[in-house]
Amino acid sequence: MNELTENKYVKRTQKDYSYAFKLSVVSEVESGELGIKAAARKYGIQSHSTVTNWLRKYGNFDWVNKSTLRMPKSKDQKLYELEQKVRLLEKQKKELEQQVENADKKAIFFDMMIDIAEEEFKLPIRKKSLPQQLIDSRLNKKKG
């Protein structure tokens, strides 16, 4: 009996949602994190049309001209975004440098393993000269 009373439909009005809440839902939908219906389900909004109305009212999309409106950014906002990009690029650079270092270590390790295998089994694993076919083709080019 308790479950039935909990799942009962509760009518909400626009006043039930704060302005900040509406803006956060709109920004999530516009950034592509959520669809309109998914946002309505996630936040318990009664209808997806409510989210659509918020998008029309508070979003960056111009519903008349079907284009995105871009609010001019302040210098502080631009600076902050650029700082965030620099941090991201530095992090990616560090990760790539670590990958290069690991690749170098692997190459050295594999060279050592080949050296050990050549000594142990007395087999030439590395090719010390070019294959005969490649040598012949180079000779033919020089003659011609």
C-alpha atoms as a PDB file:
ATOM      1  CA  MET A   1       0.000   0.000   0.000  1.00  0.00           C
ATOM      2  CA  ASN A   2       2.932   2.315   0.730  1.00  0.00           C
ATOM      3  CA  GLU A   3       4.305   1.825  -2.810  1.00  0.00           C
ATOM      4  CA  LEU A   4       1.048   3.054  -4.336  1.00  0.00           C
ATOM      5  CA  THR A   5       1.090   6.293  -2.381  1.00  0.00           C
ATOM      6  CA  GLU A   6       4.762   6.940  -3.229  1.00  0.00           C
ATOM      7  CA  ASN A   7       4.289   6.560  -6.994  1.00  0.00           C
ATOM      8  CA  LYS A   8       1.254   8.843  -7.087  1.00  0.00           C
ATOM      9  CA  TYR A   9       1.316  11.641  -9.657  1.00  0.00           C
ATOM     10  CA  VAL A  10       2.278  14.975  -8.136  1.00  0.00           C
ATOM     11  CA  LYS A  11       1.401  18.034 -10.183  1.00  0.00           C
ATOM     12  CA  ARG A  12       4.201  20.562 -10.301  1.00  0.00           C
ATOM     13  CA  THR A  13       4.312  24.150 -11.500  1.00  0.00           C
ATOM     14  CA  GLN A  14       7.096  26.270 -12.930  1.00  0.00           C
ATOM     15  CA  LYS A  15       7.571  27.766  -9.479  1.00  0.00           C
ATOM     16  CA  ASP A  16       8.653  24.375  -8.154  1.00  0.00           C
ATOM     17  CA  TYR A  17      11.905  24.583 -10.135  1.00  0.00           C
ATOM     18  CA  SER A  18      14.558  27.151  -9.321  1.00  0.00           C
ATOM     19  CA  TYR A  19      16.075  29.314 -12.006  1.00  0.00           C
ATOM     20  CA  ALA A  20      19.508  27.750 -11.392  1.00  0.00           C
ATOM     21  CA  PHE A  21      18.017  24.256 -11.772  1.00  0.00           C
ATOM     22  CA  LYS A  22      16.391  25.198 -15.081  1.00  0.00           C
ATOM     23  CA  LEU A  23      19.663  26.635 -16.385  1.00  0.00           C
ATOM     24  CA  SER A  24      21.618  23.547 -15.368  1.00  0.00           C
ATOM     25  CA  VAL A  25      19.151  21.260 -17.164  1.00  0.00           C
ATOM     26  CA  VAL A  26      19.262  23.486 -20.252  1.00  0.00           C
ATOM     27  CA  SER A  27      23.076  23.490 -20.278  1.00  0.00           C
ATOM     28  CA  GLU A  28      23.181  19.684 -19.976  1.00  0.00           C
ATOM     29  CA  VAL A  29      20.800  19.276 -22.888  1.00  0.00           C
ATOM     30  CA  GLU A  30      22.578  21.859 -25.059  1.00  0.00           C
ATOM     31  CA  SER A  31      25.988  20.343 -24.382  1.00  0.00           C
ATOM     32  CA  GLY A  32      24.679  16.978 -25.568  1.00  0.00           C
ATOM     33  CA  GLU A  33      25.115  15.170 -22.253  1.00  0.00           C
ATOM     34  CA  LEU A  34      21.398  14.358 -22.152  1.00  0.00           C
ATOM     35  CA  GLY A  35      18.484  14.380 -24.532  1.00  0.00           C
ATOM     36  CA  ILE A  36      15.286  16.246 -23.690  1.00  0.00           C
ATOM     37  CA  LYS A  37      13.371  13.131 -22.616  1.00  0.00           C
ATOM     38  CA  ALA A  38      16.379  11.736 -20.738  1.00  0.00           C
ATOM     39  CA  ALA A  39      16.714  14.996 -18.796  1.00  0.00           C
ATOM     40  CA  ALA A  40      13.031  14.877 -17.898  1.00  0.00           C
ATOM     41  CA  ARG A  41      13.403  11.301 -16.626  1.00  0.00           C
ATOM     42  CA  LYS A  42      16.669  11.980 -14.783  1.00  0.00           C
ATOM     43  CA  TYR A  43      15.364  14.984 -12.854  1.00  0.00           C
ATOM     44  CA  GLY A  44      11.766  13.825 -12.401  1.00  0.00           C
ATOM     45  CA  ILE A  45      10.295  16.559 -14.572  1.00  0.00           C
ATOM     46  CA  GLN A  46       6.695  15.692 -15.433  1.00  0.00           C
ATOM     47  CA  SER A  47       6.923  16.231 -19.186  1.00  0.00           C
ATOM     48  CA  HIS A  48       9.580  16.648 -21.823  1.00  0.00           C
ATOM     49  CA  SER A  49       7.670  19.669 -23.101  1.00  0.00           C
ATOM     50  CA  THR A  50       8.634  21.465 -19.884  1.00  0.00           C
ATOM     51  CA  VAL A  51      12.309  20.962 -20.760  1.00  0.00           C
ATOM     52  CA  THR A  52      11.603  22.109 -24.330  1.00  0.00           C
ATOM     53  CA  ASN A  53       9.983  25.288 -22.996  1.00  0.00           C
ATOM     54  CA  TRP A  54      13.046  25.934 -20.824  1.00  0.00           C
ATOM     55  CA  LEU A  55      15.265  25.456 -23.872  1.00  0.00           C
ATOM     56  CA  ARG A  56      13.228  28.019 -25.777  1.00  0.00           C
ATOM     57  CA  LYS A  57      13.249  30.428 -22.872  1.00  0.00           C
ATOM     58  CA  TYR A  58      16.783  30.076 -21.501  1.00  0.00           C
ATOM     59  CA  GLY A  59      18.790  28.258 -24.208  1.00  0.00           C
ATOM     60  CA  ASN A  60      21.247  29.517 -26.800  1.00  0.00           C
ATOM     61  CA  PHE A  61      19.241  28.255 -29.782  1.00  0.00           C
ATOM     62  CA  ASP A  62      17.281  30.858 -31.753  1.00  0.00           C
ATOM     63  CA  TRP A  63      14.019  29.004 -32.438  1.00  0.00           C
ATOM     64  CA  VAL A  64      12.828  31.555 -34.990  1.00  0.00           C
ATOM     65  CA  ASN A  65      15.956  31.602 -37.175  1.00  0.00           C
ATOM     66  CA  LYS A  66      16.992  28.035 -36.283  1.00  0.00           C
ATOM     67  CA  SER A  67      20.525  29.043 -35.334  1.00  0.00           C
ATOM     68  CA  THR A  68      22.655  29.086 -32.219  1.00  0.00           C
ATOM     69  CA  LEU A  69      23.083  32.392 -30.443  1.00  0.00           C
ATOM     70  CA  ARG A  70      26.499  32.992 -28.998  1.00  0.00           C
ATOM     71  CA  MET A  71      26.757  35.315 -26.071  1.00  0.00           C
ATOM     72  CA  PRO A  72      29.987  37.311 -26.190  1.00  0.00           C
ATOM     73  CA  LYS A  73      32.411  36.043 -23.581  1.00  0.00           C
ATOM     74  CA  SER A  74      34.160  38.321 -21.174  1.00  0.00           C
ATOM     75  CA  LYS A  75      37.949  38.476 -21.083  1.00  0.00           C
ATOM     76  CA  ASP A  76      37.932  36.582 -17.787  1.00  0.00           C
ATOM     77  CA  GLN A  77      35.850  33.772 -19.293  1.00  0.00           C
ATOM     78  CA  LYS A  78      38.128  33.534 -22.330  1.00  0.00           C
ATOM     79  CA  LEU A  79      41.206  33.522 -20.100  1.00  0.00           C
ATOM     80  CA  TYR A  80      39.729  30.806 -17.884  1.00  0.00           C
ATOM     81  CA  GLU A  81      38.858  28.645 -20.905  1.00  0.00           C
ATOM     82  CA  LEU A  82      42.346  29.065 -22.323  1.00  0.00           C
ATOM     83  CA  GLU A  83      43.903  28.144 -18.974  1.00  0.00           C
ATOM     84  CA  GLN A  84      41.758  24.998 -18.896  1.00  0.00           C
ATOM     85  CA  LYS A  85      42.878  24.108 -22.425  1.00  0.00           C
ATOM     86  CA  VAL A  86      46.530  24.646 -21.470  1.00  0.00           C
ATOM     87  CA  ARG A  87      46.126  22.354 -18.457  1.00  0.00           C
ATOM     88  CA  LEU A  88      44.491  19.695 -20.621  1.00  0.00           C
ATOM     89  CA  LEU A  89      47.223  19.932 -23.253  1.00  0.00           C
ATOM     90  CA  GLU A  90      49.951  19.731 -20.600  1.00  0.00           C
ATOM     91  CA  LYS A  91      48.304  16.632 -19.170  1.00  0.00           C
ATOM     92  CA  GLN A  92      48.065  15.041 -22.628  1.00  0.00           C
ATOM     93  CA  LYS A  93      51.703  15.953 -23.340  1.00  0.00           C
ATOM     94  CA  LYS A  94      52.802  14.323 -20.100  1.00  0.00           C
ATOM     95  CA  GLU A  95      50.855  11.152 -20.925  1.00  0.00           C
ATOM     96  CA  LEU A  96      52.358  11.004 -24.431  1.00  0.00           C
ATOM     97  CA  GLU A  97      55.870  11.531 -23.070  1.00  0.00           C
ATOM     98  CA  GLN A  98      55.270   8.634 -20.680  1.00  0.00           C
ATOM     99  CA  GLN A  99      54.109   6.453 -23.583  1.00  0.00           C
ATOM    100  CA  VAL A 100      57.222   7.354 -25.592  1.00  0.00           C
ATOM    101  CA  GLU A 101      59.428   6.520 -22.621  1.00  0.00           C
ATOM    102  CA  ASN A 102      57.685   3.159 -22.212  1.00  0.00           C
ATOM    103  CA  ALA A 103      58.056   2.430 -25.938  1.00  0.00           C
ATOM    104  CA  ASP A 104      61.778   3.208 -25.750  1.00  0.00           C
ATOM    105  CA  LYS A 105      62.160   0.885 -22.765  1.00  0.00           C
ATOM    106  CA  LYS A 106      60.308  -1.867 -24.650  1.00  0.00           C
ATOM    107  CA  ALA A 107      62.574  -1.449 -27.681  1.00  0.00           C
ATOM    108  CA  ILE A 108      65.671  -1.731 -25.493  1.00  0.00           C
ATOM    109  CA  PHE A 109      64.201  -4.762 -23.726  1.00  0.00           C
ATOM    110  CA  PHE A 110      63.401  -6.515 -27.015  1.00  0.00           C
ATOM    111  CA  ASP A 111      66.900  -5.793 -28.343  1.00  0.00           C
ATOM    112  CA  MET A 112      68.372  -7.341 -25.199  1.00  0.00           C
ATOM    113  CA  MET A 113      66.111 -10.393 -25.561  1.00  0.00           C
ATOM    114  CA  ILE A 114      67.205 -10.869 -29.186  1.00  0.00           C
ATOM    115  CA  ASP A 115      70.878 -10.541 -28.160  1.00  0.00           C
ATOM    116  CA  ILE A 116      70.419 -13.168 -25.445  1.00  0.00           C
ATOM    117  CA  ALA A 117      68.552 -15.502 -27.805  1.00  0.00           C
ATOM    118  CA  GLU A 118      71.273 -15.162 -30.460  1.00  0.00           C
ATOM    119  CA  GLU A 119      73.970 -16.005 -27.889  1.00  0.00           C
ATOM    120  CA  GLU A 120      72.053 -18.897 -26.305  1.00  0.00           C
ATOM    121  CA  PHE A 121      70.914 -20.628 -29.493  1.00  0.00           C
ATOM    122  CA  LYS A 122      73.772 -19.526 -31.752  1.00  0.00           C
ATOM    123  CA  LEU A 123      71.259 -18.395 -34.382  1.00  0.00           C
ATOM    124  CA  PRO A 124      71.362 -15.148 -36.346  1.00  0.00           C
ATOM    125  CA  ILE A 125      67.943 -13.666 -35.590  1.00  0.00           C
ATOM    126  CA  ARG A 126      68.613 -10.168 -36.910  1.00  0.00           C
ATOM    127  CA  LYS A 127      69.163  -9.754 -40.601  1.00  0.00           C
ATOM    128  CA  LYS A 128      72.576  -8.279 -41.034  1.00  0.00           C
ATOM    129  CA  SER A 129      72.321  -7.758 -44.769  1.00  0.00           C
ATOM    130  CA  LEU A 130      69.660  -6.891 -47.258  1.00  0.00           C
ATOM    131  CA  PRO A 131      67.694  -9.701 -48.859  1.00  0.00           C
ATOM    132  CA  GLN A 132      69.178 -10.822 -52.173  1.00  0.00           C
ATOM    133  CA  GLN A 133      66.152  -9.711 -54.151  1.00  0.00           C
ATOM    134  CA  LEU A 134      66.474  -6.131 -52.862  1.00  0.00           C
ATOM    135  CA  ILE A 135      70.220  -6.129 -53.581  1.00  0.00           C
ATOM    136  CA  ASP A 136      69.569  -7.286 -57.165  1.00  0.00           C
ATOM    137  CA  SER A 137      66.941  -4.609 -57.746  1.00  0.00           C
ATOM    138  CA  ARG A 138      69.305  -1.888 -56.499  1.00  0.00           C
ATOM    139  CA  LEU A 139      72.080  -3.150 -58.797  1.00  0.00           C
ATOM    140  CA  ASN A 140      69.721  -3.086 -61.775  1.00  0.00           C
ATOM    141  CA  LYS A 141      68.759   0.521 -61.047  1.00  0.00           C
ATOM    142  CA  LYS A 142      72.396   1.595 -60.924  1.00  0.00           C
ATOM    143  CA  LYS A 143      73.172  -0.118 -64.247  1.00  0.00           C
ATOM    144  CA  GLY A 144      70.138   1.352 -66.032  1.00  0.00           C
END
